[in-house]
Structure formats: C-alpha cells, structure tokens
Protein backbone atom coordinates (compact mmCIF):
# COMPACT_ATOMS: atom_id res chain seq x y z
CA UNK A 1 50.80 79.52 89.79
CA UNK A 2 49.11 79.95 86.40
CA UNK A 3 47.46 83.29 85.47
CA UNK A 4 43.90 82.00 85.91
CA UNK A 5 44.61 80.63 89.37
CA UNK A 6 46.25 83.93 90.38
CA UNK A 7 43.28 85.92 89.10
CA UNK A 8 40.81 83.68 90.92
CA UNK A 9 42.74 84.20 94.14
CA UNK A 10 42.75 87.98 93.60
CA UNK A 11 38.97 88.04 93.01
CA UNK A 12 38.39 86.04 96.21
CA UNK A 13 40.61 88.43 98.18
CA UNK A 14 38.97 91.58 96.79
CA UNK A 15 35.54 90.08 97.44
CA UNK A 16 36.51 89.38 101.05
CA UNK A 17 37.68 92.97 101.50
CA UNK A 18 34.40 94.29 100.09
CA UNK A 19 32.46 92.23 102.62
CA UNK A 20 34.69 92.90 105.63
CA UNK A 21 34.68 96.66 104.99
CA UNK A 22 30.88 96.65 104.55
CA UNK A 23 30.98 97.82 100.96
CA UNK A 24 28.59 94.92 100.29
CA UNK A 25 26.30 92.94 102.59
CA UNK A 26 24.83 89.44 102.49
CA UNK A 27 25.09 88.12 98.91
CA UNK A 28 25.13 91.56 97.24
CA UNK A 29 27.65 92.85 94.71
CA UNK A 30 29.80 91.28 92.00
CA UNK A 31 33.44 91.36 90.97
CA UNK A 32 34.97 90.47 87.61
CA UNK A 33 38.33 90.59 85.87
CA UNK A 34 39.48 90.10 82.31
CA UNK A 35 41.37 86.81 81.98
CA UNK A 36 42.33 87.21 78.32
CA UNK A 37 40.90 88.55 75.08
CA UNK A 38 38.04 86.04 75.07
CA UNK A 39 37.28 85.38 78.74
CA UNK A 40 36.42 87.06 82.02
CA UNK A 41 36.19 85.62 85.52
CA UNK A 42 33.24 86.68 87.67
CA UNK A 43 31.81 85.98 91.10
CA UNK A 44 28.85 83.57 91.28
CA UNK A 45 25.25 84.54 91.94
CA UNK A 46 23.76 84.26 95.41
CA UNK A 47 27.05 83.80 97.29
CA UNK A 48 28.31 85.90 100.19
CA UNK A 49 31.47 87.67 99.04
CA UNK A 50 33.14 87.02 102.38
CA UNK A 51 33.01 83.23 102.01
CA UNK A 52 34.07 82.64 98.40
CA UNK A 53 36.71 80.14 97.36
CA UNK A 54 38.70 80.08 94.15
CA UNK A 55 36.68 77.20 92.59
CA UNK A 56 33.47 79.24 93.08
CA UNK A 57 34.57 81.84 90.52
CA UNK A 58 32.91 81.39 87.11
CA UNK A 59 34.68 81.74 83.77
CA UNK A 60 32.65 83.43 81.01
CA UNK A 61 33.29 83.60 77.28
CA UNK A 62 32.93 87.19 76.04
CA UNK A 63 30.41 87.18 73.16
CA UNK A 64 31.41 88.74 69.85
CA UNK A 65 30.02 92.27 69.73
CA UNK A 66 28.05 91.55 66.58
CA UNK A 67 26.77 88.14 67.70
CA UNK A 68 23.08 87.80 68.63
CA UNK A 69 22.20 86.29 72.03
CA UNK A 70 22.16 82.51 71.98
CA UNK A 71 21.72 79.57 74.31
CA UNK A 72 24.97 78.76 76.12
CA UNK A 73 27.10 75.91 74.83
CA UNK A 74 29.36 74.67 77.63
CA UNK A 75 33.09 74.72 76.98
CA UNK A 76 34.50 72.05 79.25
CA UNK A 77 32.39 71.41 82.35
CA UNK A 78 29.40 73.68 82.81
CA UNK A 79 28.85 75.23 86.17
CA UNK A 80 25.22 74.86 87.30
CA UNK A 81 22.75 76.71 85.09
CA UNK A 82 20.48 77.45 88.05
CA UNK A 83 21.93 78.36 91.42
CA UNK A 84 20.47 77.47 94.79
CA UNK A 85 18.04 80.38 94.89
CA UNK A 86 16.60 79.52 91.50
CA UNK A 87 17.96 82.43 89.47
CA UNK A 88 18.72 81.40 85.90
CA UNK A 89 22.05 82.07 84.29
CA UNK A 90 21.75 84.64 81.44
CA UNK A 91 20.96 82.73 78.25
CA UNK A 92 23.54 84.37 75.98
CA UNK A 93 26.60 83.34 78.00
CA UNK A 94 29.05 80.47 77.73
CA UNK A 95 30.07 79.07 81.10
CA UNK A 96 33.17 77.09 81.91
CA UNK A 97 33.75 75.22 85.13
CA UNK A 98 37.11 75.03 86.88
CA UNK A 99 38.27 71.60 87.95
CA UNK A 100 39.87 72.59 91.25
CA UNK A 101 39.97 69.46 93.40
CA UNK A 102 37.54 67.90 90.96
CA UNK A 103 34.66 69.90 92.42
CA UNK A 104 33.59 72.68 90.05
CA UNK A 105 30.90 74.99 91.35
CA UNK A 106 30.96 73.98 95.01
CA UNK A 107 30.60 76.79 97.50
CA UNK A 108 31.09 77.10 101.22
CA UNK A 109 27.79 78.81 101.98
CA UNK A 110 27.41 78.93 105.72
CA UNK A 111 24.19 77.27 106.86
CA UNK A 112 24.61 77.29 110.62
CA UNK A 113 25.80 75.12 113.48
CA UNK A 114 25.74 71.37 113.14
CA UNK A 115 22.62 70.05 114.89
CA UNK A 116 24.61 66.99 115.96
CA UNK A 117 27.59 68.73 117.53
CA UNK A 118 26.37 72.29 118.06
CA UNK A 119 29.92 73.50 117.54
CA UNK A 120 31.44 74.46 114.21
CA UNK A 121 29.44 75.90 111.28
CA UNK A 122 29.01 73.55 108.33
CA UNK A 123 29.11 74.46 104.68
CA UNK A 124 26.84 73.04 102.02
CA UNK A 125 27.86 72.44 98.40
CA UNK A 126 25.70 74.51 96.09
CA UNK A 127 25.59 74.69 92.31
CA UNK A 128 27.13 77.98 91.15
CA UNK A 129 25.83 80.18 88.36
CA UNK A 130 27.34 83.40 87.06
CA UNK A 131 26.26 86.66 88.68
CA UNK A 132 22.92 88.03 87.51
CA UNK A 133 24.78 91.24 86.64
CA UNK A 134 27.08 89.41 84.20
CA UNK A 135 25.50 91.18 81.17
CA UNK A 136 26.50 94.54 82.70
CA UNK A 137 30.10 93.42 83.22
CA UNK A 138 30.33 92.06 79.67
CA UNK A 139 28.86 95.25 78.20
CA UNK A 140 31.47 97.33 80.05
CA UNK A 141 34.35 95.15 78.84
CA UNK A 142 33.09 95.38 75.28
CA UNK A 143 32.77 99.17 75.53
CA UNK A 144 36.14 99.58 77.28
CA UNK A 145 38.81 97.24 75.90
CA UNK A 146 41.39 99.18 77.95
CA UNK A 147 40.07 98.05 81.35
CA UNK A 148 40.65 94.71 83.05
CA UNK A 149 38.42 94.82 86.15
CA UNK A 150 34.86 95.81 87.11
CA UNK A 151 33.40 95.98 90.62
CA UNK A 152 29.74 96.54 91.43
CA UNK A 153 28.98 97.16 95.11
CA UNK A 154 26.59 98.94 97.47
CA UNK A 155 28.80 101.16 99.66
CA UNK A 156 26.35 102.81 102.08
CA UNK A 157 27.34 106.48 101.80
CA UNK A 158 27.78 106.41 98.03
CA UNK A 159 24.53 104.46 97.66
CA UNK A 160 22.80 107.13 99.75
CA UNK A 161 23.77 109.66 97.09
CA UNK A 162 22.53 107.26 94.41
CA UNK A 163 19.19 106.99 96.23
CA UNK A 164 18.76 110.69 97.04
CA UNK A 165 19.86 111.97 93.65
CA UNK A 166 22.17 114.55 95.24
CA UNK A 167 25.26 115.28 93.17
CA UNK A 168 28.59 113.94 94.42
CA UNK A 169 31.39 116.34 93.49
CA UNK A 170 34.63 114.49 92.70
CA UNK A 171 36.60 117.76 92.99
CA UNK A 172 35.88 117.99 96.72
CA UNK A 173 38.91 115.80 97.48
CA UNK A 174 42.20 115.94 95.55
CA UNK A 175 42.54 112.14 95.34
CA UNK A 176 39.20 111.55 93.65
CA UNK A 177 39.81 114.53 91.37
CA UNK A 178 43.26 113.26 90.40
CA UNK A 179 42.73 109.49 90.18
CA UNK A 180 39.04 109.00 89.42
CA UNK A 181 37.56 112.01 87.65
CA UNK A 182 33.87 112.83 87.22
CA UNK A 183 31.34 110.37 88.62
CA UNK A 184 28.87 109.18 86.02
CA UNK A 185 25.18 108.72 86.81
CA UNK A 186 22.88 106.01 85.47
CA UNK A 187 19.08 106.33 85.81
CA UNK A 188 17.14 103.68 87.65
CA UNK A 189 16.75 100.52 85.58
CA UNK A 190 15.92 96.98 86.62
CA UNK A 191 18.88 95.14 88.13
CA UNK A 192 20.28 92.47 85.84
CA UNK A 193 18.45 93.82 82.79
CA UNK A 194 19.85 94.39 79.32
CA UNK A 195 18.80 98.04 79.52
CA UNK A 196 20.87 98.53 82.67
CA UNK A 197 23.85 96.81 81.06
CA UNK A 198 23.65 99.07 78.01
CA UNK A 199 23.18 102.23 80.09
CA UNK A 200 26.15 101.48 82.36
CA UNK A 201 28.39 100.67 79.39
CA UNK A 202 27.40 103.93 77.71
CA UNK A 203 28.23 106.01 80.79
CA UNK A 204 31.50 104.18 81.46
CA UNK A 205 32.72 104.85 77.95
CA UNK A 206 33.61 108.32 79.22
CA UNK A 207 33.91 107.71 83.01
CA UNK A 208 35.92 105.46 85.29
CA UNK A 209 33.10 105.00 87.79
CA UNK A 210 29.40 105.69 88.16
CA UNK A 211 26.45 105.65 90.53
CA UNK A 212 23.35 103.62 89.69
CA UNK A 213 20.17 105.36 90.82
CA UNK A 214 18.54 103.59 93.79
CA UNK A 215 21.06 100.79 93.45
CA UNK A 216 24.79 101.28 94.09
CA UNK A 217 28.09 101.95 92.35
CA UNK A 218 30.28 100.53 89.60
CA UNK A 219 34.03 101.13 89.34
CA UNK A 220 36.56 100.05 86.72
CA UNK A 221 40.31 99.70 86.58
CA UNK A 222 43.27 98.38 84.67
CA UNK A 223 43.71 96.00 87.60
CA UNK A 224 41.41 94.62 90.30
CA UNK A 225 43.24 96.63 92.93
CA UNK A 226 42.76 99.86 90.98
CA UNK A 227 39.01 99.20 90.69
CA UNK A 228 38.87 98.41 94.41
CA UNK A 229 40.80 101.55 95.43
CA UNK A 230 38.46 103.57 93.22
CA UNK A 231 35.48 102.18 95.13
CA UNK A 232 37.08 102.95 98.51
CA UNK A 233 37.83 106.53 97.46
CA UNK A 234 34.27 106.94 96.18
CA UNK A 235 32.83 105.79 99.51
CA UNK A 236 35.21 108.04 101.48
CA UNK A 237 34.25 111.00 99.28
CA UNK A 238 30.57 110.29 99.88
CA UNK A 239 31.11 109.99 103.64
CA UNK A 240 33.03 113.26 103.83
CA UNK A 241 30.43 114.99 101.63
CA UNK A 242 27.55 113.76 103.79
CA UNK A 243 29.30 114.76 107.02
CA UNK A 244 30.20 118.23 105.73
CA UNK A 245 26.66 119.07 104.58
C-alpha cells in the first residue's frame, strides 16, 4: 500500500474512534495529517466522522508562508468546491481529488431507510469539500514543522472547561504532565475564521494541545495516534477534574 493510501486509512480509523467514543458528534470535528512537505490530508466538511471512507479524505496543498491568499487552482481532479450543505471551500487552498474507484469526493452519508424496501440504510453520493477549519490546520503545520497530525474535536468534559473558563491543571495526573504538558488556551473567535487559525497556531507554537473557548480542543502529534492519545488523555483529565471538584 502506498503512503497516501495508508494515511487515508489511518485518518478514517481515527475519525471512527472519535465518533464511537463520543469525542465528536454528528458532523463535528476534523482530522488532518501531513502527507509530505507540500501536502496534508484532511477530513471533508459536513461529513459524520463515523461514516467516512478513504476516498472522502481531501488532499490540500500547503501554501507558501509568504504567499498571499489566492483562488484555488486544481491539481488533478478537484473535489467539489461546495459541499452538500452549501459551505464554500476556503479560497486560498488547492484541492486535489483522489481517484479511488474512479469516484473522487463520494461519501456514504446515511440518509435513512429505503422507502421501497424499508430495510437497509442507503447512502447518497455527495460532493466533498475540505473542512471549514482547514485554515487552522494549515496555520498549525506552518507554525510547527515538527508535527505531522492535528485533531480538532469536542470532547464533552474538556469542552465544558473550555466553556466555563475554569483552568484545567495538566499536573493533576502524571500521564498528562509527562506526555502532554501545559494546556494552552485560545480566546473565543469565530469558527473557521482566519483570526482563529492565527490564534491557535500562535498558542501551539509553545504547546502540544489547547482548549478553544466555547468551542472544543485541538491536539497535535508526530503521528495521528499520538495526537489521538493526547485527546483521550485530555478528556480523561477533564473528567477526573470535574468529578473531583
């Protein structure tokens, strides 16, 4: 299996774990990984993380740090610029489709039981666009060339701390103290905005993870699994902290 196919499979598996363990709900959250020096792979916008397939994952060209934003120029086949809920793909990104089975950008979004048979759920093909939080992921990769994975999720206990503003002490548990370090905090900024992307990148220059006020959490890692473990430990820390109060 080639490196891109392996990475797509890993993103799908991590996304499924996030959904099954209720670290995200519905179509929330986004997962990305660095493919090479010039590209990342990221989950599509508006898709449930529990139902993703490898062809759904979107490849993004990392802009040069000194390049101004510009209209995307497709490299290869372009995955849909507007996804099924009408959210536009960020204008300064290059998108590349993946020709798995000749069907780039098709998802398996569950739309209910077949009215004819009333038995098995059916899945509708939908045009896939990159996550609306893609600018945040790109900003983090540009600020941290040493990391290879970024996960943004809404784990309920950790998000409760992000909403309440109460401090979450990483030293409370030895694992978070040893493996994760201090938890950065980002003030409330509009989701998907350039300001949020810049603020998260600034905080993650000196942290491995952070809480976004009234929003959720972002974790990083040298691998997808490391970023995922970091998120699990953060949620466990928040749960223990809330229970011990």
